[in-house]
Amino acid sequence: MSKRDWVLTGYGIDELANIITDGILNASVSATLEDSSYFSSGNVSCTVLVFERYSIIGSNRLSLTVSLFSEPGCVRISGISSGGSEGILWKINTLGEDAFLDVLVDVLSSIS
């Protein structure tokens, strides 16, 4: 499992969700948006996006969950990748997870 967090200003939660979705889906032919959820209450909102893609390194599919939390003045983003490791008792070969999270890092780096 790999994880990164960001705080961005100057963007709305819907705009960031669209930028992230487009960036991840365009970065890999096997990437899919599996599902999403949207919640809001008062002046805060939360969007959860769950992506999958095939990992050649691990010969399996991995997931990337992106959570966006909007409050006045900023959007907090958390990206967590999982499912690419091998091994029963220990996590071995997490390269696929790291690579999938790096796609999100690249997308957000290009706008901040």
C-alpha atoms as a PDB file:
ATOM      1  CA  MET A   1       0.000   0.000   0.000  1.00  0.00           C
ATOM      2  CA  SER A   2       1.205   3.461  -0.886  1.00  0.00           C
ATOM      3  CA  LYS A   3      -0.301   6.714   0.357  1.00  0.00           C
ATOM      4  CA  ARG A   4       0.066  10.447  -0.337  1.00  0.00           C
ATOM      5  CA  ASP A   5      -1.864  13.498   0.844  1.00  0.00           C
ATOM      6  CA  TRP A   6      -2.248  16.993  -0.600  1.00  0.00           C
ATOM      7  CA  VAL A   7      -3.986  20.266   0.217  1.00  0.00           C
ATOM      8  CA  LEU A   8      -4.853  22.389  -2.835  1.00  0.00           C
ATOM      9  CA  THR A   9      -6.353  25.834  -3.136  1.00  0.00           C
ATOM     10  CA  GLY A  10      -7.840  27.576  -6.155  1.00  0.00           C
ATOM     11  CA  TYR A  11      -9.845  24.570  -7.388  1.00  0.00           C
ATOM     12  CA  GLY A  12     -13.307  23.264  -6.655  1.00  0.00           C
ATOM     13  CA  ILE A  13     -13.874  19.653  -5.636  1.00  0.00           C
ATOM     14  CA  ASP A  14     -15.778  18.785  -8.833  1.00  0.00           C
ATOM     15  CA  GLU A  15     -13.083  20.351 -11.013  1.00  0.00           C
ATOM     16  CA  LEU A  16     -10.355  18.392  -9.224  1.00  0.00           C
ATOM     17  CA  ALA A  17     -12.347  15.150  -9.421  1.00  0.00           C
ATOM     18  CA  ASN A  18     -12.646  15.624 -13.199  1.00  0.00           C
ATOM     19  CA  ILE A  19      -8.950  16.478 -13.616  1.00  0.00           C
ATOM     20  CA  ILE A  20      -7.922  13.429 -11.570  1.00  0.00           C
ATOM     21  CA  THR A  21     -10.313  11.095 -13.375  1.00  0.00           C
ATOM     22  CA  ASP A  22      -9.202  12.249 -16.824  1.00  0.00           C
ATOM     23  CA  GLY A  23      -5.516  12.073 -15.879  1.00  0.00           C
ATOM     24  CA  ILE A  24      -5.690   8.557 -14.453  1.00  0.00           C
ATOM     25  CA  LEU A  25      -7.858   7.133 -17.236  1.00  0.00           C
ATOM     26  CA  ASN A  26      -5.641   8.669 -19.934  1.00  0.00           C
ATOM     27  CA  ALA A  27      -2.437   7.351 -18.333  1.00  0.00           C
ATOM     28  CA  SER A  28      -3.217   3.655 -18.769  1.00  0.00           C
ATOM     29  CA  VAL A  29      -5.201   1.677 -21.313  1.00  0.00           C
ATOM     30  CA  SER A  30      -6.341  -0.731 -18.563  1.00  0.00           C
ATOM     31  CA  ALA A  31      -7.367   1.949 -16.027  1.00  0.00           C
ATOM     32  CA  THR A  32     -11.048   2.135 -15.138  1.00  0.00           C
ATOM     33  CA  LEU A  33     -13.136   4.192 -12.755  1.00  0.00           C
ATOM     34  CA  GLU A  34     -14.836   1.399 -10.818  1.00  0.00           C
ATOM     35  CA  ASP A  35     -17.166   3.569  -8.769  1.00  0.00           C
ATOM     36  CA  SER A  36     -17.531   6.901  -7.010  1.00  0.00           C
ATOM     37  CA  SER A  37     -19.473   8.512  -4.171  1.00  0.00           C
ATOM     38  CA  TYR A  38     -20.370  12.120  -3.494  1.00  0.00           C
ATOM     39  CA  PHE A  39     -21.518  13.606  -0.196  1.00  0.00           C
ATOM     40  CA  SER A  40     -22.104  17.138   1.020  1.00  0.00           C
ATOM     41  CA  SER A  41     -23.362  18.817   4.140  1.00  0.00           C
ATOM     42  CA  GLY A  42     -23.440  22.541   4.568  1.00  0.00           C
ATOM     43  CA  ASN A  43     -20.216  24.008   3.217  1.00  0.00           C
ATOM     44  CA  VAL A  44     -18.202  20.765   3.128  1.00  0.00           C
ATOM     45  CA  SER A  45     -18.169  18.045   0.462  1.00  0.00           C
ATOM     46  CA  CYS A  46     -16.534  14.667   0.031  1.00  0.00           C
ATOM     47  CA  THR A  47     -15.872  12.748  -3.166  1.00  0.00           C
ATOM     48  CA  VAL A  48     -14.442   9.228  -3.249  1.00  0.00           C
ATOM     49  CA  LEU A  49     -13.118   7.773  -6.524  1.00  0.00           C
ATOM     50  CA  VAL A  50     -12.015   4.144  -6.867  1.00  0.00           C
ATOM     51  CA  PHE A  51      -9.854   3.247  -9.853  1.00  0.00           C
ATOM     52  CA  GLU A  52      -8.388  -0.066 -10.995  1.00  0.00           C
ATOM     53  CA  ARG A  53      -5.760  -1.000 -13.514  1.00  0.00           C
ATOM     54  CA  TYR A  54      -3.798  -4.050 -14.558  1.00  0.00           C
ATOM     55  CA  SER A  55      -0.235  -4.333 -13.268  1.00  0.00           C
ATOM     56  CA  ILE A  56       2.205  -6.121 -15.552  1.00  0.00           C
ATOM     57  CA  ILE A  57       4.725  -6.207 -12.698  1.00  0.00           C
ATOM     58  CA  GLY A  58       2.434  -8.190 -10.382  1.00  0.00           C
ATOM     59  CA  SER A  59       0.261  -9.806 -13.073  1.00  0.00           C
ATOM     60  CA  ASN A  60      -2.854  -8.641 -11.230  1.00  0.00           C
ATOM     61  CA  ARG A  61      -5.194  -5.681 -10.855  1.00  0.00           C
ATOM     62  CA  LEU A  62      -4.557  -2.923  -8.343  1.00  0.00           C
ATOM     63  CA  SER A  63      -6.772  -0.244  -6.927  1.00  0.00           C
ATOM     64  CA  LEU A  64      -6.286   3.436  -6.304  1.00  0.00           C
ATOM     65  CA  THR A  65      -8.735   5.165  -3.989  1.00  0.00           C
ATOM     66  CA  VAL A  66      -8.780   8.947  -4.155  1.00  0.00           C
ATOM     67  CA  SER A  67     -10.678  10.842  -1.468  1.00  0.00           C
ATOM     68  CA  LEU A  68     -11.339  14.554  -1.872  1.00  0.00           C
ATOM     69  CA  PHE A  69     -12.628  16.636   1.039  1.00  0.00           C
ATOM     70  CA  SER A  70     -13.660  20.200   0.327  1.00  0.00           C
ATOM     71  CA  GLU A  71     -13.926  22.811   3.033  1.00  0.00           C
ATOM     72  CA  PRO A  72     -13.922  26.586   2.688  1.00  0.00           C
ATOM     73  CA  GLY A  73     -10.657  27.675   1.087  1.00  0.00           C
ATOM     74  CA  CYS A  74      -9.135  24.310   0.174  1.00  0.00           C
ATOM     75  CA  VAL A  75      -9.579  20.738  -1.005  1.00  0.00           C
ATOM     76  CA  ARG A  76      -7.786  17.969   0.857  1.00  0.00           C
ATOM     77  CA  ILE A  77      -6.860  14.941  -1.251  1.00  0.00           C
ATOM     78  CA  SER A  78      -5.720  11.508  -0.147  1.00  0.00           C
ATOM     79  CA  GLY A  79      -4.578   8.817  -2.572  1.00  0.00           C
ATOM     80  CA  ILE A  80      -4.112   5.216  -1.441  1.00  0.00           C
ATOM     81  CA  SER A  81      -3.108   2.388  -3.776  1.00  0.00           C
ATOM     82  CA  SER A  82      -3.429  -1.278  -2.883  1.00  0.00           C
ATOM     83  CA  GLY A  83      -3.605  -4.806  -4.226  1.00  0.00           C
ATOM     84  CA  GLY A  84      -0.340  -5.077  -6.098  1.00  0.00           C
ATOM     85  CA  SER A  85       1.790  -6.907  -3.583  1.00  0.00           C
ATOM     86  CA  GLU A  86       2.690 -10.567  -3.582  1.00  0.00           C
ATOM     87  CA  GLY A  87       3.107 -12.865  -0.623  1.00  0.00           C
ATOM     88  CA  ILE A  88       0.834 -14.399   1.967  1.00  0.00           C
ATOM     89  CA  LEU A  89       2.346 -13.138   5.217  1.00  0.00           C
ATOM     90  CA  TRP A  90       4.446 -10.161   4.058  1.00  0.00           C
ATOM     91  CA  LYS A  91       4.003  -7.590   1.386  1.00  0.00           C
ATOM     92  CA  ILE A  92       6.475  -8.303  -1.376  1.00  0.00           C
ATOM     93  CA  ASN A  93       6.802  -6.350  -4.614  1.00  0.00           C
ATOM     94  CA  THR A  94       4.755  -3.207  -4.096  1.00  0.00           C
ATOM     95  CA  LEU A  95       6.164  -1.615  -7.259  1.00  0.00           C
ATOM     96  CA  GLY A  96       2.807  -1.712  -9.041  1.00  0.00           C
ATOM     97  CA  GLU A  97       1.090   0.084  -6.171  1.00  0.00           C
ATOM     98  CA  ASP A  98       3.784   2.760  -6.102  1.00  0.00           C
ATOM     99  CA  ALA A  99       3.552   3.213  -9.877  1.00  0.00           C
ATOM    100  CA  PHE A 100      -0.238   3.615  -9.794  1.00  0.00           C
ATOM    101  CA  LEU A 101       0.004   6.240  -7.051  1.00  0.00           C
ATOM    102  CA  ASP A 102       2.721   8.005  -9.079  1.00  0.00           C
ATOM    103  CA  VAL A 103       0.107   8.623 -11.791  1.00  0.00           C
ATOM    104  CA  LEU A 104      -1.931  10.642  -9.274  1.00  0.00           C
ATOM    105  CA  VAL A 105       1.239  12.435  -8.138  1.00  0.00           C
ATOM    106  CA  ASP A 106       1.968  13.400 -11.762  1.00  0.00           C
ATOM    107  CA  VAL A 107      -1.593  14.608 -12.366  1.00  0.00           C
ATOM    108  CA  LEU A 108      -1.617  16.811  -9.281  1.00  0.00           C
ATOM    109  CA  SER A 109       1.946  18.041  -9.881  1.00  0.00           C
ATOM    110  CA  SER A 110       0.913  19.262 -13.313  1.00  0.00           C
ATOM    111  CA  ILE A 111      -1.695  21.634 -11.832  1.00  0.00           C
ATOM    112  CA  SER A 112      -0.030  22.824  -8.624  1.00  0.00           C
END
